[in-house]
Amino acid sequence: MKLLYSPASPFVRKVMVALHETGQIDDVERVNVATTPLQADAALATANPVGKIPALVRENSPTLYDSRVICRFLDARAEAGLYPEARIWDTLTLEATAHGIMEAAVLIVYEERFRAPEHVSMDWIEGQWSKVARSLDALETRWMSHLNGPLDMGQIAVGCALGYLDFRHDVRQWRIGRNDLAAWYDKMAQRPAMLATKPD
């Protein structure tokens, strides 16, 4: 299998953490692609018509794309239990919350990087950050018992989302007022799979 990826992407990182946690990291060849919202890499666009990373190219089977699909596949392949049936809806909802954080945070980066300075909308940026802030508050007030439970894909996704905030939006100081979430993340960030995938 080949993983089309960019190491700075939080969606890619989630897949990479899953590969490490499920013992499949050596089963996948990693192919670094340069793609932007304005122009998709040709190989990536062939594998994934949406032109987004990550994409998992499989031999004799269709390419899988969207990190949630890829992670479900990897979990099933390894029978790792990262989507536990006993709490599947909570796990999926937590994963979706983390994806919302990632999407909004990435869109802020895109707004600042790919628009001409005179066209950058601060109102739009703050609107995206409000999604992040509300989600972080929900994690702090509603999800700590789940986050402190056995490892699942929801926790991995949240860890990667928070890591991306540190990587791209550290000036926002997301930890302020969220002491429990910050303490959980500090511990999560020390897992070998998280350390091995931390973006430069």
N, C-alpha and C. Protein backbone atom coordinates (compact mmCIF):
# COMPACT_ATOMS: atom_id res chain seq x y z
N MET A 1 0.84 -1.19 0.00
CA MET A 1 0.00 0.00 0.00
C MET A 1 0.88 1.24 0.00
N LYS A 2 0.35 2.31 -0.58
CA LYS A 2 1.03 3.61 -0.61
C LYS A 2 0.14 4.66 0.03
N LEU A 3 0.71 5.47 0.89
CA LEU A 3 -0.01 6.56 1.49
C LEU A 3 0.48 7.86 0.88
N LEU A 4 -0.41 8.55 0.16
CA LEU A 4 -0.10 9.87 -0.37
C LEU A 4 -0.35 10.86 0.76
N TYR A 5 0.68 11.62 1.11
CA TYR A 5 0.58 12.38 2.34
C TYR A 5 1.45 13.63 2.31
N SER A 6 1.25 14.49 3.31
CA SER A 6 2.14 15.59 3.64
C SER A 6 2.24 15.59 5.16
N PRO A 7 3.44 15.58 5.70
CA PRO A 7 3.59 15.40 7.15
C PRO A 7 3.02 16.53 7.99
N ALA A 8 2.77 17.70 7.41
CA ALA A 8 2.23 18.82 8.19
C ALA A 8 0.72 18.73 8.37
N SER A 9 0.04 17.89 7.62
CA SER A 9 -1.41 17.81 7.68
C SER A 9 -1.87 17.08 8.94
N PRO A 10 -2.82 17.65 9.68
CA PRO A 10 -3.33 16.94 10.86
C PRO A 10 -4.14 15.71 10.48
N PHE A 11 -4.75 15.71 9.30
CA PHE A 11 -5.50 14.55 8.85
C PHE A 11 -4.55 13.40 8.52
N VAL A 12 -3.43 13.74 7.90
CA VAL A 12 -2.40 12.74 7.63
C VAL A 12 -1.82 12.22 8.95
N ARG A 13 -1.55 13.13 9.86
CA ARG A 13 -0.97 12.70 11.13
C ARG A 13 -1.86 11.68 11.83
N LYS A 14 -3.16 11.89 11.77
CA LYS A 14 -4.08 10.95 12.40
C LYS A 14 -3.90 9.55 11.82
N VAL A 15 -3.77 9.46 10.50
CA VAL A 15 -3.55 8.16 9.86
C VAL A 15 -2.20 7.59 10.28
N MET A 16 -1.18 8.44 10.34
CA MET A 16 0.14 7.97 10.73
C MET A 16 0.15 7.45 12.16
N VAL A 17 -0.53 8.15 13.06
CA VAL A 17 -0.63 7.67 14.45
C VAL A 17 -1.35 6.33 14.48
N ALA A 18 -2.42 6.20 13.71
CA ALA A 18 -3.14 4.92 13.66
C ALA A 18 -2.24 3.80 13.14
N LEU A 19 -1.42 4.09 12.14
CA LEU A 19 -0.49 3.08 11.62
C LEU A 19 0.48 2.63 12.71
N HIS A 20 1.01 3.59 13.46
CA HIS A 20 1.92 3.24 14.55
C HIS A 20 1.20 2.45 15.64
N GLU A 21 0.05 2.94 16.05
CA GLU A 21 -0.66 2.31 17.16
C GLU A 21 -1.14 0.90 16.83
N THR A 22 -1.39 0.64 15.55
CA THR A 22 -1.88 -0.69 15.15
C THR A 22 -0.77 -1.59 14.61
N GLY A 23 0.47 -1.12 14.65
CA GLY A 23 1.59 -1.95 14.22
C GLY A 23 1.68 -2.16 12.72
N GLN A 24 1.17 -1.21 11.92
CA GLN A 24 1.16 -1.37 10.47
C GLN A 24 2.05 -0.36 9.74
N ILE A 25 2.86 0.38 10.48
CA ILE A 25 3.64 1.45 9.85
C ILE A 25 4.55 0.93 8.76
N ASP A 26 5.07 -0.29 8.90
CA ASP A 26 5.99 -0.84 7.89
C ASP A 26 5.26 -1.44 6.69
N ASP A 27 3.94 -1.47 6.75
CA ASP A 27 3.16 -2.03 5.64
C ASP A 27 2.83 -1.00 4.58
N VAL A 28 3.18 0.25 4.84
CA VAL A 28 2.75 1.34 3.97
C VAL A 28 3.96 2.15 3.49
N GLU A 29 4.07 2.29 2.18
CA GLU A 29 5.06 3.20 1.60
C GLU A 29 4.48 4.61 1.61
N ARG A 30 5.25 5.56 2.10
CA ARG A 30 4.77 6.93 2.19
C ARG A 30 5.31 7.75 1.02
N VAL A 31 4.40 8.45 0.33
CA VAL A 31 4.75 9.25 -0.83
C VAL A 31 4.33 10.69 -0.53
N ASN A 32 5.33 11.55 -0.37
CA ASN A 32 5.07 12.95 -0.04
C ASN A 32 4.60 13.68 -1.30
N VAL A 33 3.45 14.34 -1.22
CA VAL A 33 2.93 15.10 -2.36
C VAL A 33 2.74 16.56 -1.96
N ALA A 34 2.97 17.43 -2.93
CA ALA A 34 2.77 18.86 -2.72
C ALA A 34 1.46 19.25 -3.38
N THR A 35 0.49 19.62 -2.57
CA THR A 35 -0.81 19.97 -3.11
C THR A 35 -1.35 21.18 -2.36
N THR A 36 -2.15 21.98 -3.03
CA THR A 36 -2.75 23.17 -2.42
C THR A 36 -4.22 23.22 -2.79
N PRO A 37 -5.01 24.09 -2.15
CA PRO A 37 -6.41 24.23 -2.55
C PRO A 37 -6.57 24.76 -3.96
N LEU A 38 -5.52 25.37 -4.49
CA LEU A 38 -5.60 25.96 -5.82
C LEU A 38 -5.15 25.01 -6.92
N GLN A 39 -4.28 24.05 -6.57
CA GLN A 39 -3.79 23.12 -7.59
C GLN A 39 -3.41 21.81 -6.92
N ALA A 40 -4.12 20.76 -7.28
CA ALA A 40 -3.86 19.44 -6.71
C ALA A 40 -2.69 18.78 -7.41
N ASP A 41 -1.90 18.05 -6.66
CA ASP A 41 -0.85 17.21 -7.25
C ASP A 41 -1.50 16.22 -8.21
N ALA A 42 -0.85 15.98 -9.36
CA ALA A 42 -1.45 15.14 -10.40
C ALA A 42 -1.68 13.71 -9.92
N ALA A 43 -0.71 13.14 -9.24
CA ALA A 43 -0.86 11.77 -8.75
C ALA A 43 -1.98 11.70 -7.71
N LEU A 44 -2.06 12.72 -6.87
CA LEU A 44 -3.10 12.75 -5.85
C LEU A 44 -4.48 12.87 -6.49
N ALA A 45 -4.61 13.74 -7.48
CA ALA A 45 -5.90 13.92 -8.14
C ALA A 45 -6.36 12.65 -8.85
N THR A 46 -5.40 11.86 -9.33
CA THR A 46 -5.74 10.58 -9.94
C THR A 46 -6.26 9.60 -8.90
N ALA A 47 -5.61 9.60 -7.73
CA ALA A 47 -6.00 8.68 -6.67
C ALA A 47 -7.28 9.12 -5.97
N ASN A 48 -7.40 10.42 -5.74
CA ASN A 48 -8.54 10.98 -5.04
C ASN A 48 -9.09 12.15 -5.86
N PRO A 49 -10.24 12.01 -6.49
CA PRO A 49 -10.74 13.08 -7.35
C PRO A 49 -10.98 14.39 -6.61
N VAL A 50 -11.15 14.33 -5.29
CA VAL A 50 -11.32 15.55 -4.51
C VAL A 50 -9.99 16.29 -4.38
N GLY A 51 -8.89 15.58 -4.57
CA GLY A 51 -7.57 16.21 -4.54
C GLY A 51 -7.04 16.50 -3.15
N LYS A 52 -7.53 15.77 -2.15
CA LYS A 52 -7.10 16.01 -0.77
C LYS A 52 -6.29 14.84 -0.25
N ILE A 53 -5.41 15.16 0.71
CA ILE A 53 -4.67 14.14 1.42
C ILE A 53 -5.33 13.89 2.77
N PRO A 54 -5.12 12.68 3.29
CA PRO A 54 -4.37 11.54 2.77
C PRO A 54 -5.20 10.70 1.80
N ALA A 55 -4.50 9.89 1.03
CA ALA A 55 -5.14 8.88 0.19
C ALA A 55 -4.32 7.61 0.31
N LEU A 56 -4.99 6.49 0.49
CA LEU A 56 -4.32 5.20 0.65
C LEU A 56 -4.55 4.37 -0.60
N VAL A 57 -3.48 4.20 -1.38
CA VAL A 57 -3.55 3.45 -2.62
C VAL A 57 -3.32 1.98 -2.31
N ARG A 58 -4.29 1.14 -2.66
CA ARG A 58 -4.20 -0.30 -2.39
C ARG A 58 -4.03 -1.06 -3.69
N GLU A 59 -3.32 -2.17 -3.62
CA GLU A 59 -3.17 -3.02 -4.79
C GLU A 59 -4.46 -3.77 -5.05
N ASN A 60 -4.91 -3.74 -6.30
CA ASN A 60 -6.08 -4.50 -6.73
C ASN A 60 -7.37 -4.12 -6.00
N SER A 61 -7.40 -2.93 -5.41
CA SER A 61 -8.61 -2.44 -4.74
C SER A 61 -8.67 -0.92 -4.91
N PRO A 62 -9.84 -0.35 -4.83
CA PRO A 62 -9.94 1.10 -4.98
C PRO A 62 -9.15 1.85 -3.91
N THR A 63 -8.67 3.01 -4.28
CA THR A 63 -7.99 3.89 -3.33
C THR A 63 -8.98 4.37 -2.28
N LEU A 64 -8.51 4.43 -1.05
CA LEU A 64 -9.33 4.96 0.04
C LEU A 64 -8.89 6.39 0.33
N TYR A 65 -9.85 7.27 0.57
CA TYR A 65 -9.51 8.64 0.95
C TYR A 65 -10.50 9.15 1.98
N ASP A 66 -10.09 10.24 2.62
CA ASP A 66 -10.67 10.78 3.85
C ASP A 66 -10.07 9.97 5.00
N SER A 67 -9.44 10.69 5.93
CA SER A 67 -8.72 10.00 7.00
C SER A 67 -9.64 9.14 7.84
N ARG A 68 -10.92 9.50 7.97
CA ARG A 68 -11.83 8.67 8.76
C ARG A 68 -12.04 7.32 8.09
N VAL A 69 -12.16 7.30 6.78
CA VAL A 69 -12.32 6.04 6.05
C VAL A 69 -11.04 5.21 6.18
N ILE A 70 -9.90 5.85 5.97
CA ILE A 70 -8.63 5.14 6.04
C ILE A 70 -8.41 4.54 7.42
N CYS A 71 -8.70 5.31 8.46
CA CYS A 71 -8.48 4.81 9.82
C CYS A 71 -9.41 3.65 10.15
N ARG A 72 -10.66 3.70 9.68
CA ARG A 72 -11.56 2.56 9.89
C ARG A 72 -11.01 1.32 9.19
N PHE A 73 -10.50 1.51 7.98
CA PHE A 73 -9.92 0.38 7.25
C PHE A 73 -8.72 -0.20 7.99
N LEU A 74 -7.81 0.68 8.43
CA LEU A 74 -6.61 0.21 9.12
C LEU A 74 -6.96 -0.49 10.43
N ASP A 75 -7.93 0.04 11.14
CA ASP A 75 -8.35 -0.58 12.39
C ASP A 75 -8.93 -1.97 12.14
N ALA A 76 -9.78 -2.09 11.11
CA ALA A 76 -10.36 -3.39 10.78
C ALA A 76 -9.29 -4.36 10.30
N ARG A 77 -8.34 -3.86 9.52
CA ARG A 77 -7.27 -4.72 8.99
C ARG A 77 -6.44 -5.32 10.11
N ALA A 78 -6.19 -4.53 11.15
CA ALA A 78 -5.35 -5.00 12.26
C ALA A 78 -6.17 -5.57 13.41
N GLU A 79 -7.50 -5.46 13.32
CA GLU A 79 -8.38 -5.86 14.43
C GLU A 79 -7.90 -5.24 15.74
N ALA A 80 -7.66 -3.92 15.68
CA ALA A 80 -7.03 -3.22 16.79
C ALA A 80 -8.00 -2.68 17.83
N GLY A 81 -9.27 -2.57 17.49
CA GLY A 81 -10.25 -2.12 18.46
C GLY A 81 -10.27 -0.63 18.73
N LEU A 82 -9.79 0.18 17.79
CA LEU A 82 -9.81 1.63 17.98
C LEU A 82 -11.18 2.24 17.72
N TYR A 83 -12.10 1.43 17.21
CA TYR A 83 -13.50 1.83 17.09
C TYR A 83 -14.34 0.82 17.89
N PRO A 84 -14.29 0.90 19.21
CA PRO A 84 -14.94 -0.12 20.05
C PRO A 84 -16.46 -0.07 19.93
N GLU A 85 -17.06 -1.20 19.67
CA GLU A 85 -18.50 -1.25 19.45
C GLU A 85 -19.28 -0.76 20.66
N ALA A 86 -18.76 -1.00 21.86
CA ALA A 86 -19.48 -0.64 23.07
C ALA A 86 -19.68 0.86 23.22
N ARG A 87 -18.81 1.64 22.60
CA ARG A 87 -18.96 3.09 22.66
C ARG A 87 -18.72 3.73 21.29
N ILE A 88 -19.21 3.05 20.25
CA ILE A 88 -18.91 3.47 18.90
C ILE A 88 -19.44 4.86 18.58
N TRP A 89 -20.66 5.20 19.04
CA TRP A 89 -21.22 6.50 18.67
C TRP A 89 -20.49 7.63 19.36
N ASP A 90 -20.07 7.40 20.60
CA ASP A 90 -19.27 8.41 21.28
C ASP A 90 -17.92 8.58 20.59
N THR A 91 -17.30 7.48 20.21
CA THR A 91 -16.00 7.54 19.53
C THR A 91 -16.11 8.29 18.21
N LEU A 92 -17.14 7.98 17.43
CA LEU A 92 -17.31 8.64 16.14
C LEU A 92 -17.64 10.12 16.30
N THR A 93 -18.44 10.46 17.31
CA THR A 93 -18.76 11.87 17.54
C THR A 93 -17.53 12.64 17.99
N LEU A 94 -16.72 12.03 18.84
CA LEU A 94 -15.49 12.68 19.28
C LEU A 94 -14.54 12.86 18.09
N GLU A 95 -14.46 11.86 17.24
CA GLU A 95 -13.63 11.97 16.04
C GLU A 95 -14.14 13.09 15.13
N ALA A 96 -15.46 13.21 14.99
CA ALA A 96 -16.04 14.27 14.17
C ALA A 96 -15.76 15.64 14.77
N THR A 97 -15.79 15.76 16.10
CA THR A 97 -15.47 17.02 16.74
C THR A 97 -14.03 17.43 16.44
N ALA A 98 -13.13 16.46 16.55
CA ALA A 98 -11.73 16.73 16.24
C ALA A 98 -11.56 17.14 14.79
N HIS A 99 -12.30 16.51 13.89
CA HIS A 99 -12.22 16.87 12.48
C HIS A 99 -12.71 18.29 12.24
N GLY A 100 -13.76 18.69 12.97
CA GLY A 100 -14.22 20.05 12.85
C GLY A 100 -13.16 21.06 13.25
N ILE A 101 -12.42 20.74 14.32
CA ILE A 101 -11.32 21.60 14.76
C ILE A 101 -10.25 21.67 13.67
N MET A 102 -9.87 20.52 13.15
CA MET A 102 -8.84 20.48 12.11
C MET A 102 -9.25 21.27 10.88
N GLU A 103 -10.47 21.05 10.43
CA GLU A 103 -10.93 21.72 9.21
C GLU A 103 -10.92 23.24 9.37
N ALA A 104 -11.44 23.72 10.49
CA ALA A 104 -11.47 25.16 10.71
C ALA A 104 -10.06 25.73 10.83
N ALA A 105 -9.19 25.02 11.53
CA ALA A 105 -7.82 25.49 11.71
C ALA A 105 -7.05 25.52 10.39
N VAL A 106 -7.26 24.51 9.56
CA VAL A 106 -6.61 24.47 8.24
C VAL A 106 -7.15 25.58 7.35
N LEU A 107 -8.44 25.84 7.41
CA LEU A 107 -9.03 26.90 6.58
C LEU A 107 -8.49 28.28 6.95
N ILE A 108 -8.19 28.49 8.23
CA ILE A 108 -7.57 29.75 8.63
C ILE A 108 -6.20 29.89 7.98
N VAL A 109 -5.43 28.81 7.99
CA VAL A 109 -4.11 28.83 7.34
C VAL A 109 -4.27 29.13 5.86
N TYR A 110 -5.22 28.48 5.20
CA TYR A 110 -5.43 28.70 3.78
C TYR A 110 -5.83 30.15 3.49
N GLU A 111 -6.69 30.71 4.32
CA GLU A 111 -7.14 32.09 4.11
C GLU A 111 -5.95 33.04 4.13
N GLU A 112 -5.05 32.82 5.06
CA GLU A 112 -3.90 33.72 5.20
C GLU A 112 -2.81 33.44 4.17
N ARG A 113 -2.73 32.20 3.70
CA ARG A 113 -1.63 31.82 2.82
C ARG A 113 -1.95 31.97 1.34
N PHE A 114 -3.20 31.74 0.96
CA PHE A 114 -3.52 31.66 -0.46
C PHE A 114 -4.37 32.82 -0.97
N ARG A 115 -4.77 33.73 -0.12
CA ARG A 115 -5.47 34.92 -0.58
C ARG A 115 -4.51 36.10 -0.58
N ALA A 116 -4.72 37.00 -1.52
CA ALA A 116 -3.96 38.26 -1.50
C ALA A 116 -4.28 38.99 -0.20
N PRO A 117 -3.28 39.64 0.39
CA PRO A 117 -3.49 40.28 1.70
C PRO A 117 -4.71 41.18 1.76
N GLU A 118 -4.99 41.89 0.67
CA GLU A 118 -6.13 42.83 0.69
C GLU A 118 -7.48 42.11 0.67
N HIS A 119 -7.46 40.80 0.38
CA HIS A 119 -8.71 40.04 0.33
C HIS A 119 -8.91 39.13 1.54
N VAL A 120 -7.93 39.07 2.43
CA VAL A 120 -8.07 38.24 3.62
C VAL A 120 -9.17 38.82 4.50
N SER A 121 -10.10 37.97 4.91
CA SER A 121 -11.23 38.40 5.75
C SER A 121 -10.98 38.01 7.20
N MET A 122 -10.74 38.98 8.04
CA MET A 122 -10.56 38.70 9.45
C MET A 122 -11.86 38.23 10.09
N ASP A 123 -12.98 38.72 9.61
CA ASP A 123 -14.26 38.24 10.13
C ASP A 123 -14.42 36.75 9.85
N TRP A 124 -14.05 36.34 8.65
CA TRP A 124 -14.15 34.92 8.29
C TRP A 124 -13.19 34.09 9.14
N ILE A 125 -11.97 34.59 9.34
CA ILE A 125 -11.00 33.88 10.17
C ILE A 125 -11.53 33.72 11.59
N GLU A 126 -12.07 34.79 12.15
CA GLU A 126 -12.60 34.70 13.51
C GLU A 126 -13.81 33.79 13.58
N GLY A 127 -14.59 33.74 12.51
CA GLY A 127 -15.70 32.80 12.46
C GLY A 127 -15.22 31.36 12.51
N GLN A 128 -14.13 31.08 11.79
CA GLN A 128 -13.55 29.73 11.84
C GLN A 128 -13.00 29.44 13.24
N TRP A 129 -12.33 30.42 13.83
CA TRP A 129 -11.77 30.17 15.16
C TRP A 129 -12.88 29.96 16.19
N SER A 130 -14.03 30.60 16.01
CA SER A 130 -15.12 30.38 16.96
C SER A 130 -15.56 28.92 16.96
N LYS A 131 -15.49 28.26 15.79
CA LYS A 131 -15.80 26.83 15.73
C LYS A 131 -14.80 26.03 16.56
N VAL A 132 -13.53 26.40 16.44
CA VAL A 132 -12.49 25.73 17.21
C VAL A 132 -12.74 25.94 18.70
N ALA A 133 -12.97 27.18 19.09
CA ALA A 133 -13.13 27.50 20.51
C ALA A 133 -14.33 26.77 21.12
N ARG A 134 -15.45 26.75 20.41
CA ARG A 134 -16.63 26.05 20.93
C ARG A 134 -16.35 24.56 21.08
N SER A 135 -15.64 24.00 20.12
CA SER A 135 -15.32 22.58 20.18
C SER A 135 -14.38 22.28 21.34
N LEU A 136 -13.40 23.13 21.55
CA LEU A 136 -12.49 22.94 22.68
C LEU A 136 -13.25 23.03 24.00
N ASP A 137 -14.18 23.97 24.09
CA ASP A 137 -14.97 24.09 25.32
C ASP A 137 -15.82 22.84 25.54
N ALA A 138 -16.35 22.28 24.46
CA ALA A 138 -17.13 21.05 24.58
C ALA A 138 -16.25 19.89 25.05
N LEU A 139 -15.04 19.81 24.53
CA LEU A 139 -14.12 18.76 24.98
C LEU A 139 -13.84 18.90 26.47
N GLU A 140 -13.62 20.12 26.91
CA GLU A 140 -13.30 20.39 28.32
C GLU A 140 -14.47 20.06 29.24
N THR A 141 -15.67 20.35 28.81
CA THR A 141 -16.82 20.23 29.71
C THR A 141 -17.60 18.92 29.56
N ARG A 142 -17.50 18.27 28.38
CA ARG A 142 -18.35 17.09 28.14
C ARG A 142 -17.60 15.79 27.88
N TRP A 143 -16.34 15.89 27.48
CA TRP A 143 -15.70 14.71 26.93
C TRP A 143 -14.50 14.20 27.72
N MET A 144 -14.21 14.78 28.88
CA MET A 144 -12.98 14.37 29.57
C MET A 144 -13.05 12.92 30.06
N SER A 145 -14.22 12.45 30.45
CA SER A 145 -14.29 11.06 30.91
C SER A 145 -13.97 10.09 29.77
N HIS A 146 -14.42 10.42 28.57
CA HIS A 146 -14.10 9.58 27.41
C HIS A 146 -12.61 9.70 27.06
N LEU A 147 -12.11 10.92 27.06
CA LEU A 147 -10.70 11.11 26.72
C LEU A 147 -9.79 10.36 27.69
N ASN A 148 -10.19 10.24 28.93
CA ASN A 148 -9.37 9.56 29.93
C ASN A 148 -9.60 8.05 29.97
N GLY A 149 -10.43 7.55 29.06
CA GLY A 149 -10.69 6.11 29.00
C GLY A 149 -9.69 5.40 28.11
N PRO A 150 -9.97 4.14 27.77
CA PRO A 150 -9.08 3.37 26.89
C PRO A 150 -8.91 4.05 25.54
N LEU A 151 -7.72 3.91 24.96
CA LEU A 151 -7.41 4.58 23.70
C LEU A 151 -8.36 4.16 22.59
N ASP A 152 -8.87 5.15 21.86
CA ASP A 152 -9.66 4.87 20.67
C ASP A 152 -9.36 5.96 19.63
N MET A 153 -10.02 5.86 18.49
CA MET A 153 -9.71 6.79 17.41
C MET A 153 -10.19 8.20 17.71
N GLY A 154 -11.22 8.35 18.52
CA GLY A 154 -11.63 9.68 18.92
C GLY A 154 -10.52 10.40 19.65
N GLN A 155 -9.86 9.71 20.56
CA GLN A 155 -8.76 10.32 21.31
C GLN A 155 -7.59 10.65 20.38
N ILE A 156 -7.27 9.74 19.48
CA ILE A 156 -6.18 10.00 18.54
C ILE A 156 -6.48 11.24 17.71
N ALA A 157 -7.72 11.35 17.23
CA ALA A 157 -8.10 12.51 16.41
C ALA A 157 -7.99 13.80 17.21
N VAL A 158 -8.45 13.79 18.45
CA VAL A 158 -8.35 14.99 19.29
C VAL A 158 -6.88 15.34 19.53
N GLY A 159 -6.06 14.35 19.82
CA GLY A 159 -4.64 14.61 20.01
C GLY A 159 -4.01 15.27 18.80
N CYS A 160 -4.35 14.79 17.62
CA CYS A 160 -3.79 15.38 16.39
C CYS A 160 -4.34 16.77 16.14
N ALA A 161 -5.60 17.00 16.48
CA ALA A 161 -6.18 18.34 16.31
C ALA A 161 -5.49 19.34 17.23
N LEU A 162 -5.29 18.97 18.49
CA LEU A 162 -4.64 19.88 19.43
C LEU A 162 -3.18 20.11 19.05
N GLY A 163 -2.53 19.06 18.57
CA GLY A 163 -1.16 19.22 18.10
C GLY A 163 -1.07 20.20 16.94
N TYR A 164 -2.07 20.19 16.07
CA TYR A 164 -2.08 21.13 14.94
C TYR A 164 -2.28 22.56 15.43
N LEU A 165 -3.10 22.74 16.46
CA LEU A 165 -3.27 24.08 17.02
C LEU A 165 -1.95 24.60 17.58
N ASP A 166 -1.19 23.74 18.24
CA ASP A 166 0.14 24.15 18.71
C ASP A 166 1.06 24.48 17.55
N PHE A 167 0.97 23.70 16.49
CA PHE A 167 1.86 23.83 15.35
C PHE A 167 1.59 25.10 14.54
N ARG A 168 0.32 25.40 14.28
CA ARG A 168 -0.03 26.51 13.39
C ARG A 168 -0.67 27.71 14.09
N HIS A 169 -1.23 27.51 15.27
CA HIS A 169 -2.00 28.57 15.91
C HIS A 169 -1.62 28.75 17.38
N ASP A 170 -0.35 28.62 17.68
CA ASP A 170 0.06 28.70 19.08
C ASP A 170 -0.24 30.06 19.70
N VAL A 171 -0.30 31.11 18.89
CA VAL A 171 -0.59 32.45 19.43
C VAL A 171 -2.00 32.53 20.01
N ARG A 172 -2.86 31.62 19.64
CA ARG A 172 -4.23 31.61 20.15
C ARG A 172 -4.31 31.10 21.60
N GLN A 173 -3.27 30.41 22.04
CA GLN A 173 -3.18 29.92 23.42
C GLN A 173 -4.46 29.16 23.84
N TRP A 174 -4.72 28.09 23.12
CA TRP A 174 -5.96 27.35 23.33
C TRP A 174 -6.07 26.74 24.72
N ARG A 175 -4.96 26.59 25.44
CA ARG A 175 -5.00 25.96 26.76
C ARG A 175 -5.65 26.84 27.84
N ILE A 176 -5.68 28.14 27.64
CA ILE A 176 -6.19 29.04 28.68
C ILE A 176 -7.67 28.73 28.95
N GLY A 177 -7.96 28.46 30.24
CA GLY A 177 -9.32 28.14 30.65
C GLY A 177 -9.72 26.71 30.40
N ARG A 178 -8.79 25.89 29.92
CA ARG A 178 -9.11 24.48 29.61
C ARG A 178 -8.04 23.59 30.23
N ASN A 179 -7.93 23.66 31.53
CA ASN A 179 -6.84 23.00 32.24
C ASN A 179 -6.90 21.48 32.12
N ASP A 180 -8.09 20.90 32.19
CA ASP A 180 -8.20 19.44 32.11
C ASP A 180 -7.82 18.94 30.72
N LEU A 181 -8.28 19.63 29.70
CA LEU A 181 -7.94 19.24 28.33
C LEU A 181 -6.45 19.41 28.08
N ALA A 182 -5.88 20.49 28.58
CA ALA A 182 -4.45 20.73 28.41
C ALA A 182 -3.63 19.64 29.08
N ALA A 183 -4.02 19.25 30.29
CA ALA A 183 -3.29 18.20 31.02
C ALA A 183 -3.41 16.87 30.29
N TRP A 184 -4.61 16.58 29.76
CA TRP A 184 -4.79 15.34 29.00
C TRP A 184 -3.89 15.35 27.77
N TYR A 185 -3.86 16.48 27.05
CA TYR A 185 -3.06 16.53 25.83
C TYR A 185 -1.57 16.39 26.14
N ASP A 186 -1.11 17.00 27.20
CA ASP A 186 0.31 16.90 27.53
C ASP A 186 0.71 15.44 27.72
N LYS A 187 -0.17 14.65 28.28
CA LYS A 187 0.10 13.21 28.45
C LYS A 187 -0.02 12.48 27.12
N MET A 188 -1.08 12.79 26.37
CA MET A 188 -1.29 12.14 25.06
C MET A 188 -0.12 12.40 24.13
N ALA A 189 0.41 13.61 24.16
CA ALA A 189 1.49 14.00 23.25
C ALA A 189 2.77 13.22 23.49
N GLN A 190 2.88 12.54 24.62
CA GLN A 190 4.08 11.77 24.92
C GLN A 190 4.00 10.31 24.46
N ARG A 191 2.86 9.92 23.92
CA ARG A 191 2.79 8.55 23.39
C ARG A 191 3.81 8.41 22.26
N PRO A 192 4.47 7.27 22.15
CA PRO A 192 5.46 7.09 21.08
C PRO A 192 4.92 7.39 19.68
N ALA A 193 3.67 7.02 19.41
CA ALA A 193 3.10 7.28 18.09
C ALA A 193 2.93 8.75 17.83
N MET A 194 2.61 9.52 18.87
CA MET A 194 2.48 10.97 18.71
C MET A 194 3.86 11.62 18.53
N LEU A 195 4.82 11.18 19.29
CA LEU A 195 6.18 11.74 19.16
C LEU A 195 6.76 11.44 17.78
N ALA A 196 6.49 10.24 17.26
CA ALA A 196 7.05 9.83 15.97
C ALA A 196 6.43 10.59 14.81
N THR A 197 5.27 11.21 15.01
CA THR A 197 4.57 11.87 13.91
C THR A 197 4.47 13.36 14.11
N LYS A 198 5.13 13.91 15.10
CA LYS A 198 5.05 15.34 15.37
C LYS A 198 5.63 16.13 14.20
N PRO A 199 4.88 17.10 13.66
CA PRO A 199 5.41 17.87 12.51
C PRO A 199 6.55 18.78 12.93
N ASP A 200 7.47 19.00 12.01
CA ASP A 200 8.62 19.87 12.29
C ASP A 200 8.17 21.31 12.36
